[in-house]
Amino acid sequence: MEGNNNTKPHQSSSSSSPLPPAARGPSLYDRLRSFLFARPLVFFVLLYLTANVAIAAYRSRGDWPTLSFVLFSYVDLLLLFFFLSRFEQLGGGARGSREKRARLKGGVWALSAALMIGFSWRVGEVFSWPMKVVIWTMTASVAGGGFYALFLHDD
């Protein structure tokens, strides 16, 4: 039967990938390289941050809660910077771009909230319970306000 062909008209049966490499867009390596080296200030800030994390990790060896906090904060900040850079690159426009922006906004909010929670947890360890209540209330209000501003408030 001629009408029962499972291959798509634009795709040959011999190719394994539906899109040629140029149509797939830049690879993760290319995006990371452009993120780091397109703006020298960003590169030096991240280099400084990495050096400080290495020093803090060295000083906190054997103290697993401190080491895990330092590494969590570092990875969270790196992801936050990457998501924010991708968000800035998208700009308004086509429907796909708006969907990507919405997903990136969700990632930015989640990473920001996780960083605030981590810092509140760490700071709350040295205060009495009334101050912990204040710290956690402030954290919840900032995270909730960020969620409202990013997702519920109309521009």
Protein backbone atom coordinates (compact mmCIF):
# COMPACT_ATOMS: atom_id res chain seq x y z
CA MET A 1 0.00 0.00 0.00
CA GLU A 2 1.33 3.40 -0.89
CA GLY A 3 -0.56 5.36 1.77
CA ASN A 4 0.71 3.19 4.64
CA ASN A 5 4.30 4.48 4.64
CA ASN A 6 5.62 5.05 8.18
CA THR A 7 8.43 7.44 7.19
CA LYS A 8 7.83 11.15 7.22
CA PRO A 9 8.08 13.00 3.90
CA HIS A 10 11.01 15.20 4.98
CA GLN A 11 12.96 12.34 6.55
CA SER A 12 14.83 9.68 4.67
CA SER A 13 14.65 6.15 6.02
CA SER A 14 18.45 5.87 6.22
CA SER A 15 19.00 8.71 8.72
CA SER A 16 18.79 7.95 12.44
CA SER A 17 18.26 11.54 13.64
CA PRO A 18 15.23 13.56 12.56
CA LEU A 19 17.20 16.83 12.40
CA PRO A 20 20.61 17.63 10.94
CA PRO A 21 23.20 18.82 13.49
CA ALA A 22 22.92 22.46 12.38
CA ALA A 23 19.14 22.47 12.90
CA ARG A 24 19.38 21.08 16.46
CA GLY A 25 20.97 24.27 17.78
CA PRO A 26 24.12 24.73 19.81
CA SER A 27 25.29 21.94 22.07
CA LEU A 28 25.49 22.27 25.83
CA TYR A 29 29.26 22.68 25.54
CA ASP A 30 28.84 25.58 23.07
CA ARG A 31 26.24 27.26 25.27
CA LEU A 32 28.43 26.89 28.37
CA ARG A 33 31.47 28.23 26.51
CA SER A 34 29.53 31.25 25.25
CA PHE A 35 28.13 31.79 28.77
CA LEU A 36 31.60 31.85 30.32
CA PHE A 37 33.70 33.60 27.69
CA ALA A 38 31.28 36.02 26.01
CA ARG A 39 31.37 38.31 29.03
CA PRO A 40 34.75 38.58 30.77
CA LEU A 41 33.26 40.01 33.97
CA VAL A 42 31.07 36.91 34.39
CA PHE A 43 34.10 34.70 33.85
CA PHE A 44 36.14 36.49 36.53
CA VAL A 45 33.25 36.53 39.00
CA LEU A 46 32.79 32.78 38.57
CA LEU A 47 36.53 32.24 38.86
CA TYR A 48 36.56 34.23 42.12
CA LEU A 49 33.54 32.30 43.40
CA THR A 50 35.18 28.98 42.52
CA ALA A 51 38.40 29.96 44.32
CA ASN A 52 36.44 30.95 47.43
CA VAL A 53 34.50 27.70 47.37
CA ALA A 54 37.73 25.72 47.05
CA ILE A 55 39.19 27.55 50.06
CA ALA A 56 35.99 27.10 52.10
CA ALA A 57 35.81 23.41 51.17
CA TYR A 58 39.43 22.94 52.18
CA ARG A 59 38.85 24.62 55.53
CA SER A 60 35.69 22.65 56.24
CA ARG A 61 37.04 19.18 55.48
CA GLY A 62 35.84 16.82 58.15
CA ASP A 63 32.86 19.07 58.92
CA TRP A 64 30.27 17.47 56.63
CA PRO A 65 27.37 19.89 57.30
CA THR A 66 29.54 22.90 56.44
CA LEU A 67 31.07 21.22 53.40
CA SER A 68 27.68 20.17 52.06
CA PHE A 69 26.33 23.70 52.59
CA VAL A 70 29.27 25.23 50.72
CA LEU A 71 28.96 22.80 47.82
CA PHE A 72 25.16 23.10 47.67
CA SER A 73 25.39 26.90 47.60
CA TYR A 74 28.04 26.81 44.88
CA VAL A 75 26.12 24.46 42.60
CA ASP A 76 22.90 26.36 43.22
CA LEU A 77 24.54 29.68 42.32
CA LEU A 78 26.11 28.25 39.17
CA LEU A 79 22.76 26.90 38.02
CA LEU A 80 21.05 30.16 38.93
CA PHE A 81 23.55 32.20 36.89
CA PHE A 82 23.17 29.80 33.95
CA PHE A 83 19.35 29.92 34.04
CA LEU A 84 19.36 33.71 34.31
CA SER A 85 21.69 34.02 31.34
CA ARG A 86 19.47 31.71 29.27
CA PHE A 87 16.43 33.74 30.36
CA GLU A 88 18.08 36.98 29.21
CA GLN A 89 19.05 35.45 25.87
CA LEU A 90 15.53 34.35 25.00
CA GLY A 91 13.67 37.64 24.95
CA GLY A 92 9.97 37.86 24.07
CA GLY A 93 8.62 36.56 20.83
CA ALA A 94 7.37 33.27 19.50
CA ARG A 95 5.20 30.89 21.47
CA GLY A 96 8.03 28.41 22.02
CA SER A 97 10.13 31.20 23.41
CA ARG A 98 7.38 32.11 25.89
CA GLU A 99 7.11 28.50 27.04
CA LYS A 100 10.88 28.31 27.53
CA ARG A 101 10.81 31.59 29.45
CA ALA A 102 8.08 30.23 31.71
CA ARG A 103 10.12 27.08 32.41
CA LEU A 104 13.24 29.12 33.06
CA LYS A 105 11.31 31.42 35.41
CA GLY A 106 10.22 28.34 37.35
CA GLY A 107 13.81 27.14 37.55
CA VAL A 108 15.06 30.55 38.65
CA TRP A 109 12.41 30.75 41.35
CA ALA A 110 13.10 27.21 42.60
CA LEU A 111 16.87 27.79 42.72
CA SER A 112 16.43 31.14 44.47
CA ALA A 113 14.03 29.66 47.00
CA ALA A 114 16.38 26.72 47.63
CA LEU A 115 19.27 29.12 48.21
CA MET A 116 17.21 31.21 50.64
CA ILE A 117 16.12 28.08 52.51
CA GLY A 118 19.71 26.86 52.72
CA PHE A 119 20.95 30.17 54.08
CA SER A 120 18.05 30.40 56.54
CA TRP A 121 18.75 26.88 57.76
CA ARG A 122 22.42 27.66 58.25
CA VAL A 123 21.83 31.03 59.94
CA GLY A 124 19.02 29.63 62.07
CA GLU A 125 21.43 27.18 63.71
CA VAL A 126 23.04 29.95 65.77
CA PHE A 127 19.88 31.74 66.95
CA SER A 128 17.27 30.98 69.57
CA TRP A 129 13.82 29.80 68.50
CA PRO A 130 12.14 33.26 68.49
CA MET A 131 14.74 34.53 66.01
CA LYS A 132 14.39 31.33 63.99
CA VAL A 133 10.69 32.10 63.65
CA VAL A 134 11.55 35.58 62.37
CA ILE A 135 14.14 34.22 59.93
CA TRP A 136 11.82 31.53 58.55
CA THR A 137 8.93 34.00 58.30
CA MET A 138 11.10 36.37 56.28
CA THR A 139 12.28 33.52 54.06
CA ALA A 140 8.73 32.34 53.43
CA SER A 141 7.53 35.87 52.67
CA VAL A 142 10.36 36.52 50.19
CA ALA A 143 9.87 33.14 48.48
CA GLY A 144 6.11 33.66 48.36
CA GLY A 145 6.51 37.22 47.10
CA GLY A 146 8.88 36.02 44.39
CA PHE A 147 6.40 33.36 43.33
CA TYR A 148 3.63 35.94 43.18
CA ALA A 149 5.77 38.40 41.20
CA LEU A 150 6.99 35.80 38.72
CA PHE A 151 3.88 33.71 38.15
CA LEU A 152 0.69 35.30 39.45
CA HIS A 153 1.11 39.04 38.86
CA ASP A 154 0.18 40.19 35.34
CA ASP A 155 2.76 42.40 33.67
